[in-house]
Amino acid sequence: MAFQPYQASMLALGQAPSVIRETFEYGLRRAQEIGRENVFDFSLGNPSVPAPPSVHDTMRRLMDETDSVLLHGYTSAIGAEPTRAAIAADINARFHAGISAQDLYMTCGAAASLTVTLHAILCPGDTCMTFAPFFPEYRVFVESAGAKLTQVPADTENFQMNLQAFAELITPETKAVIVNTPNNPTGVVYTEENLRAFCKLLHEKELEYGHPVYLIADEPYRELVYDDTTVVPYLPNLYDNTFVCYSYSKSLSLPGERIGYIVVSPKMQDSRLVYAAVCGAGRALGFVCAPSLMQRVVAENLGKTADLSVYRRNRDLLYKNLTDYGYRCIYPDGAFYLWVQALEDDANAFCRKARDYELLLVPSDSFGCKGFVRIAYCVTTEMIERSLPAFKKLAEAYGK
């Protein structure tokens, strides 16, 4: 067998960066050419609101008062027990879920939560499903675990879960389903009715197939909801074979600190064995001992969020004006994305046209849904205000 200096699939991934990151890098180059103030970059879901002051206060106090060796040393591979106990208590206070510290595994953010979970449960030949539109890296994570991703076509009217299509596509080879609400890229919050109907259908399929079908709740945006919207129910309370993958990147504005967790529901079939598989996957992937300082920080800031009123103001400003200009916008109850129908069938061509007006938007194709664009409004309100004439000129170029 001929020597291969690298794995071909990894080379392909490295040479095909995500459209989101490509757009962001284009924005950086363009800013150097014409000035940052003249580029309207809506590409990246990078929180623009500072972390709560208590986060900084906690970090300063811990660094001033805690022995440095202890503060920056290893924790248990699964995470520090006091942190896991504090998070479990917070979950139970909010959702009465019966979670204990032994059901939590601390991770290096949401990506690690998802990849560890998927590697723990997926085997060659398995299928994992998700609902379009979806975060593009789901496909990378699932396929790197040796399985196949099946995408359920989008409900392009309401962008709730398309349960009729799901029922037609699920098979006995389906091992897991990823659900993301509030949704990236649409900002839509799945209704309780939609979620309950989905879980009922999933349970019926478990009984039919004679094996668990795991539900993976990807929840980094759970706290980012507006207009008195709530994300209900807590899915482990509704469906026994549920994992919750969480990150503090969005709620506490800590994306660069890479801190999150996995919940393995104690009601899951063979939950202790599944939890052990999660530990094994974390070990195999090198995701043991999440950042120790940040474990302490989040434990002392549970229930807090960054100032969400900024995102609400940004959403309202964009939604109202773009709708007035003739765009069809899907109203987002959560997250910090606006999902807008492109003004021509080809969303990629529309995004190229938008660049003529220095508007950097992300086409919907990589999210598994054609004909739309994602606008990340986690930017300054001032930038949105400056961008509005460009959005209007773009609409006028299409006869709006």
Foldseek 3Di string as FASTA:
>chain_A
DDDDPDDPVVVVDVVDDDLLVVLVVVLVVVCVVPNNLQFQEQRDLAFQFAFPPLLVVLLVCCVVPPDPCVQQDFAFQQAHLLLLQLVQVLCCVVAVQPFHSLQKGKWQFLVRQLLLLLLLFDDAQAEEEEEPLADLCVQVSNVVSNYGYDYQYAPVPQRAGPVVSVLVPDDLRQQEYEYEPVGPPALAGHDPVSVLVNQVSQVVVCVVSVHHYAYEYEYQWQPFFDDPDHRDDPVCVRHVRYKYRYGPCAFRVPVVLRITMIGGRPSHDVSVVSSVSSSVSCVVVVTTGRRSNVSSSCSVVPPHGGPSVQLVVLLVVVVVLLVVLPWDWNRRRGRRKIKTFALDQAQVVSQVLLVVSSYHWAARVSSVHTGITIGGSSDGSVSSVVCSVSSNVSSVVSVD
